[in-house]
Amino acid sequence: MLTEREISRSWIKLLGAGEHTDETFDKAELLLSELRPENPLRHRLSLELQELRRLHAKKRG
């Protein structure tokens, strides 16, 4: 299991810059699954991921 710090660092590397793809979003979901459901970081990153997906879909469509 990864620590919150490791997940945060990986999250920034994965989603911080560049083009987002379906594969990127899948990897982000895997990172989220490392956190417990009640973890505040998981909640915050889940909301961020939803917003990034929404923006990605808007760009594609």
PDB file of N, CA and C in Angstrom:
ATOM      1  N   MET A   1       0.840  -1.180   0.000  1.00  0.00           N
ATOM      2  CA  MET A   1       0.000   0.000   0.000  1.00  0.00           C
ATOM      3  C   MET A   1       0.889   1.248   0.000  1.00  0.00           C
ATOM      4  N   LEU A   2       0.535   2.206  -0.812  1.00  0.00           N
ATOM      5  CA  LEU A   2       1.296   3.444  -0.923  1.00  0.00           C
ATOM      6  C   LEU A   2       0.895   4.427   0.175  1.00  0.00           C
ATOM      7  N   THR A   3       1.806   5.306   0.533  1.00  0.00           N
ATOM      8  CA  THR A   3       1.488   6.348   1.507  1.00  0.00           C
ATOM      9  C   THR A   3       0.785   7.502   0.793  1.00  0.00           C
ATOM     10  N   GLU A   4       0.178   8.387   1.572  1.00  0.00           N
ATOM     11  CA  GLU A   4      -0.473   9.559   0.990  1.00  0.00           C
ATOM     12  C   GLU A   4       0.540  10.412   0.224  1.00  0.00           C
ATOM     13  N   ARG A   5       1.723  10.528   0.767  1.00  0.00           N
ATOM     14  CA  ARG A   5       2.765  11.329   0.118  1.00  0.00           C
ATOM     15  C   ARG A   5       3.136  10.730  -1.240  1.00  0.00           C
ATOM     16  N   GLU A   6       3.286   9.417  -1.293  1.00  0.00           N
ATOM     17  CA  GLU A   6       3.633   8.750  -2.555  1.00  0.00           C
ATOM     18  C   GLU A   6       2.510   8.903  -3.580  1.00  0.00           C
ATOM     19  N   ILE A   7       1.285   8.797  -3.111  1.00  0.00           N
ATOM     20  CA  ILE A   7       0.140   8.948  -4.010  1.00  0.00           C
ATOM     21  C   ILE A   7       0.073  10.377  -4.534  1.00  0.00           C
ATOM     22  N   SER A   8       0.266  11.354  -3.655  1.00  0.00           N
ATOM     23  CA  SER A   8       0.249  12.760  -4.081  1.00  0.00           C
ATOM     24  C   SER A   8       1.333  13.034  -5.112  1.00  0.00           C
ATOM     25  N   ARG A   9       2.512  12.525  -4.871  1.00  0.00           N
ATOM     26  CA  ARG A   9       3.632  12.725  -5.796  1.00  0.00           C
ATOM     27  C   ARG A   9       3.328  12.081  -7.155  1.00  0.00           C
ATOM     28  N   SER A  10       2.827  10.860  -7.121  1.00  0.00           N
ATOM     29  CA  SER A  10       2.490  10.154  -8.367  1.00  0.00           C
ATOM     30  C   SER A  10       1.360  10.857  -9.104  1.00  0.00           C
ATOM     31  N   TRP A  11       0.395  11.377  -8.355  1.00  0.00           N
ATOM     32  CA  TRP A  11      -0.749  12.083  -8.930  1.00  0.00           C
ATOM     33  C   TRP A  11      -0.275  13.311  -9.708  1.00  0.00           C
ATOM     34  N   ILE A  12       0.620  14.065  -9.098  1.00  0.00           N
ATOM     35  CA  ILE A  12       1.141  15.271  -9.741  1.00  0.00           C
ATOM     36  C   ILE A  12       1.906  14.917 -11.008  1.00  0.00           C
ATOM     37  N   LYS A  13       2.717  13.887 -10.946  1.00  0.00           N
ATOM     38  CA  LYS A  13       3.470  13.453 -12.131  1.00  0.00           C
ATOM     39  C   LYS A  13       2.530  12.993 -13.240  1.00  0.00           C
ATOM     40  N   LEU A  14       1.485  12.286 -12.855  1.00  0.00           N
ATOM     41  CA  LEU A  14       0.562  11.707 -13.824  1.00  0.00           C
ATOM     42  C   LEU A  14      -0.355  12.752 -14.453  1.00  0.00           C
ATOM     43  N   LEU A  15      -0.925  13.619 -13.624  1.00  0.00           N
ATOM     44  CA  LEU A  15      -1.958  14.529 -14.105  1.00  0.00           C
ATOM     45  C   LEU A  15      -1.559  16.001 -14.092  1.00  0.00           C
ATOM     46  N   GLY A  16      -0.384  16.292 -13.579  1.00  0.00           N
ATOM     47  CA  GLY A  16       0.031  17.677 -13.416  1.00  0.00           C
ATOM     48  C   GLY A  16       0.164  18.458 -14.710  1.00  0.00           C
ATOM     49  N   ALA A  17       0.648  17.826 -15.737  1.00  0.00           N
ATOM     50  CA  ALA A  17       0.863  18.535 -16.998  1.00  0.00           C
ATOM     51  C   ALA A  17       0.711  17.558 -18.152  1.00  0.00           C
ATOM     52  N   GLY A  18       0.459  18.120 -19.297  1.00  0.00           N
ATOM     53  CA  GLY A  18       0.386  17.277 -20.483  1.00  0.00           C
ATOM     54  C   GLY A  18      -1.024  16.870 -20.852  1.00  0.00           C
ATOM     55  N   GLU A  19      -1.078  16.054 -21.862  1.00  0.00           N
ATOM     56  CA  GLU A  19      -2.352  15.574 -22.399  1.00  0.00           C
ATOM     57  C   GLU A  19      -2.874  14.418 -21.564  1.00  0.00           C
ATOM     58  N   HIS A  20      -4.148  14.442 -21.280  1.00  0.00           N
ATOM     59  CA  HIS A  20      -4.773  13.364 -20.520  1.00  0.00           C
ATOM     60  C   HIS A  20      -5.462  12.400 -21.482  1.00  0.00           C
ATOM     61  N   THR A  21      -5.266  11.119 -21.227  1.00  0.00           N
ATOM     62  CA  THR A  21      -5.870  10.073 -22.048  1.00  0.00           C
ATOM     63  C   THR A  21      -6.689   9.157 -21.151  1.00  0.00           C
ATOM     64  N   ASP A  22      -7.412   8.240 -21.769  1.00  0.00           N
ATOM     65  CA  ASP A  22      -8.163   7.257 -20.986  1.00  0.00           C
ATOM     66  C   ASP A  22      -7.217   6.430 -20.120  1.00  0.00           C
ATOM     67  N   GLU A  23      -6.039   6.144 -20.641  1.00  0.00           N
ATOM     68  CA  GLU A  23      -5.045   5.386 -19.877  1.00  0.00           C
ATOM     69  C   GLU A  23      -4.589   6.176 -18.641  1.00  0.00           C
ATOM     70  N   THR A  24      -4.426   7.474 -18.810  1.00  0.00           N
ATOM     71  CA  THR A  24      -4.046   8.332 -17.687  1.00  0.00           C
ATOM     72  C   THR A  24      -5.115   8.277 -16.601  1.00  0.00           C
ATOM     73  N   PHE A  25      -6.364   8.350 -17.013  1.00  0.00           N
ATOM     74  CA  PHE A  25      -7.460   8.310 -16.044  1.00  0.00           C
ATOM     75  C   PHE A  25      -7.531   6.952 -15.346  1.00  0.00           C
ATOM     76  N   ASP A  26      -7.261   5.884 -16.076  1.00  0.00           N
ATOM     77  CA  ASP A  26      -7.239   4.546 -15.468  1.00  0.00           C
ATOM     78  C   ASP A  26      -6.141   4.448 -14.409  1.00  0.00           C
ATOM     79  N   LYS A  27      -4.980   4.995 -14.713  1.00  0.00           N
ATOM     80  CA  LYS A  27      -3.876   4.983 -13.748  1.00  0.00           C
ATOM     81  C   LYS A  27      -4.228   5.817 -12.515  1.00  0.00           C
ATOM     82  N   ALA A  28      -4.919   6.923 -12.729  1.00  0.00           N
ATOM     83  CA  ALA A  28      -5.344   7.763 -11.608  1.00  0.00           C
ATOM     84  C   ALA A  28      -6.323   7.002 -10.712  1.00  0.00           C
ATOM     85  N   GLU A  29      -7.227   6.248 -11.324  1.00  0.00           N
ATOM     86  CA  GLU A  29      -8.171   5.430 -10.549  1.00  0.00           C
ATOM     87  C   GLU A  29      -7.429   4.401  -9.701  1.00  0.00           C
ATOM     88  N   LEU A  30      -6.379   3.818 -10.255  1.00  0.00           N
ATOM     89  CA  LEU A  30      -5.580   2.854  -9.491  1.00  0.00           C
ATOM     90  C   LEU A  30      -4.927   3.520  -8.283  1.00  0.00           C
ATOM     91  N   LEU A  31      -4.444   4.732  -8.474  1.00  0.00           N
ATOM     92  CA  LEU A  31      -3.876   5.460  -7.341  1.00  0.00           C
ATOM     93  C   LEU A  31      -4.936   5.703  -6.268  1.00  0.00           C
ATOM     94  N   LEU A  32      -6.124   6.094  -6.691  1.00  0.00           N
ATOM     95  CA  LEU A  32      -7.205   6.339  -5.729  1.00  0.00           C
ATOM     96  C   LEU A  32      -7.570   5.079  -4.957  1.00  0.00           C
ATOM     97  N   SER A  33      -7.491   3.944  -5.617  1.00  0.00           N
ATOM     98  CA  SER A  33      -7.859   2.686  -4.962  1.00  0.00           C
ATOM     99  C   SER A  33      -6.887   2.318  -3.843  1.00  0.00           C
ATOM    100  N   GLU A  34      -5.719   2.955  -3.822  1.00  0.00           N
ATOM    101  CA  GLU A  34      -4.743   2.717  -2.755  1.00  0.00           C
ATOM    102  C   GLU A  34      -5.148   3.402  -1.448  1.00  0.00           C
ATOM    103  N   LEU A  35      -6.057   4.367  -1.542  1.00  0.00           N
ATOM    104  CA  LEU A  35      -6.500   5.105  -0.357  1.00  0.00           C
ATOM    105  C   LEU A  35      -7.799   4.520   0.180  1.00  0.00           C
ATOM    106  N   ARG A  36      -7.977   4.618   1.470  1.00  0.00           N
ATOM    107  CA  ARG A  36      -9.228   4.148   2.079  1.00  0.00           C
ATOM    108  C   ARG A  36     -10.383   5.045   1.642  1.00  0.00           C
ATOM    109  N   PRO A  37     -11.578   4.485   1.550  1.00  0.00           N
ATOM    110  CA  PRO A  37     -12.732   5.273   1.081  1.00  0.00           C
ATOM    111  C   PRO A  37     -12.998   6.534   1.905  1.00  0.00           C
ATOM    112  N   GLU A  38     -12.725   6.493   3.192  1.00  0.00           N
ATOM    113  CA  GLU A  38     -13.020   7.641   4.054  1.00  0.00           C
ATOM    114  C   GLU A  38     -11.887   8.679   4.089  1.00  0.00           C
ATOM    115  N   ASN A  39     -10.813   8.431   3.383  1.00  0.00           N
ATOM    116  CA  ASN A  39      -9.654   9.318   3.398  1.00  0.00           C
ATOM    117  C   ASN A  39      -9.984  10.647   2.704  1.00  0.00           C
ATOM    118  N   PRO A  40      -9.722  11.782   3.365  1.00  0.00           N
ATOM    119  CA  PRO A  40     -10.000  13.089   2.748  1.00  0.00           C
ATOM    120  C   PRO A  40      -9.226  13.326   1.449  1.00  0.00           C
ATOM    121  N   LEU A  41      -8.010  12.811   1.365  1.00  0.00           N
ATOM    122  CA  LEU A  41      -7.230  12.956   0.132  1.00  0.00           C
ATOM    123  C   LEU A  41      -7.924  12.233  -1.014  1.00  0.00           C
ATOM    124  N   ARG A  42      -8.464  11.069  -0.736  1.00  0.00           N
ATOM    125  CA  ARG A  42      -9.180  10.321  -1.778  1.00  0.00           C
ATOM    126  C   ARG A  42     -10.378  11.123  -2.276  1.00  0.00           C
ATOM    127  N   HIS A  43     -11.093  11.729  -1.356  1.00  0.00           N
ATOM    128  CA  HIS A  43     -12.263  12.529  -1.737  1.00  0.00           C
ATOM    129  C   HIS A  43     -11.840  13.708  -2.624  1.00  0.00           C
ATOM    130  N   ARG A  44     -10.801  14.421  -2.214  1.00  0.00           N
ATOM    131  CA  ARG A  44     -10.328  15.581  -2.966  1.00  0.00           C
ATOM    132  C   ARG A  44      -9.837  15.181  -4.358  1.00  0.00           C
ATOM    133  N   LEU A  45      -9.052  14.114  -4.422  1.00  0.00           N
ATOM    134  CA  LEU A  45      -8.525  13.680  -5.716  1.00  0.00           C
ATOM    135  C   LEU A  45      -9.626  13.113  -6.613  1.00  0.00           C
ATOM    136  N   SER A  46     -10.626  12.486  -6.021  1.00  0.00           N
ATOM    137  CA  SER A  46     -11.762  11.978  -6.808  1.00  0.00           C
ATOM    138  C   SER A  46     -12.503  13.125  -7.480  1.00  0.00           C
ATOM    139  N   LEU A  47     -12.707  14.206  -6.733  1.00  0.00           N
ATOM    140  CA  LEU A  47     -13.374  15.377  -7.308  1.00  0.00           C
ATOM    141  C   LEU A  47     -12.525  15.997  -8.416  1.00  0.00           C
ATOM    142  N   GLU A  48     -11.235  16.059  -8.188  1.00  0.00           N
ATOM    143  CA  GLU A  48     -10.318  16.590  -9.204  1.00  0.00           C
ATOM    144  C   GLU A  48     -10.352  15.727 -10.464  1.00  0.00           C
ATOM    145  N   LEU A  49     -10.370  14.422 -10.285  1.00  0.00           N
ATOM    146  CA  LEU A  49     -10.411  13.511 -11.428  1.00  0.00           C
ATOM    147  C   LEU A  49     -11.717  13.666 -12.207  1.00  0.00           C
ATOM    148  N   GLN A  50     -12.822  13.821 -11.508  1.00  0.00           N
ATOM    149  CA  GLN A  50     -14.108  14.040 -12.180  1.00  0.00           C
ATOM    150  C   GLN A  50     -14.052  15.294 -13.050  1.00  0.00           C
ATOM    151  N   GLU A  51     -13.485  16.360 -12.496  1.00  0.00           N
ATOM    152  CA  GLU A  51     -13.387  17.616 -13.238  1.00  0.00           C
ATOM    153  C   GLU A  51     -12.471  17.472 -14.454  1.00  0.00           C
ATOM    154  N   LEU A  52     -11.348  16.794 -14.292  1.00  0.00           N
ATOM    155  CA  LEU A  52     -10.438  16.581 -15.424  1.00  0.00           C
ATOM    156  C   LEU A  52     -11.099  15.745 -16.515  1.00  0.00           C
ATOM    157  N   ARG A  53     -11.852  14.748 -16.112  1.00  0.00           N
ATOM    158  CA  ARG A  53     -12.572  13.928 -17.104  1.00  0.00           C
ATOM    159  C   ARG A  53     -13.614  14.760 -17.842  1.00  0.00           C
ATOM    160  N   ARG A  54     -14.307  15.619 -17.103  1.00  0.00           N
ATOM    161  CA  ARG A  54     -15.321  16.473 -17.714  1.00  0.00           C
ATOM    162  C   ARG A  54     -14.670  17.398 -18.744  1.00  0.00           C
ATOM    163  N   LEU A  55     -13.557  18.005 -18.376  1.00  0.00           N
ATOM    164  CA  LEU A  55     -12.850  18.895 -19.302  1.00  0.00           C
ATOM    165  C   LEU A  55     -12.315  18.134 -20.514  1.00  0.00           C
ATOM    166  N   HIS A  56     -11.820  16.937 -20.283  1.00  0.00           N
ATOM    167  CA  HIS A  56     -11.306  16.098 -21.373  1.00  0.00           C
ATOM    168  C   HIS A  56     -12.429  15.742 -22.349  1.00  0.00           C
ATOM    169  N   ALA A  57     -13.582  15.377 -21.815  1.00  0.00           N
ATOM    170  CA  ALA A  57     -14.725  15.025 -22.662  1.00  0.00           C
ATOM    171  C   ALA A  57     -15.198  16.241 -23.458  1.00  0.00           C
ATOM    172  N   LYS A  58     -15.162  17.397 -22.833  1.00  0.00           N
ATOM    173  CA  LYS A  58     -15.579  18.627 -23.501  1.00  0.00           C
ATOM    174  C   LYS A  58     -14.644  18.949 -24.670  1.00  0.00           C
ATOM    175  N   LYS A  59     -13.341  18.735 -24.479  1.00  0.00           N
ATOM    176  CA  LYS A  59     -12.361  18.965 -25.541  1.00  0.00           C
ATOM    177  C   LYS A  59     -12.570  18.013 -26.711  1.00  0.00           C
ATOM    178  N   ARG A  60     -12.902  16.760 -26.384  1.00  0.00           N
ATOM    179  CA  ARG A  60     -13.072  15.734 -27.421  1.00  0.00           C
ATOM    180  C   ARG A  60     -14.361  15.930 -28.200  1.00  0.00           C
ATOM    181  N   GLY A  61     -15.378  16.366 -27.499  1.00  0.00           N
ATOM    182  CA  GLY A  61     -16.699  16.425 -28.093  1.00  0.00           C
ATOM    183  C   GLY A  61     -16.994  17.703 -28.741  1.00  0.00           C
TER     184      GLY A  61
END
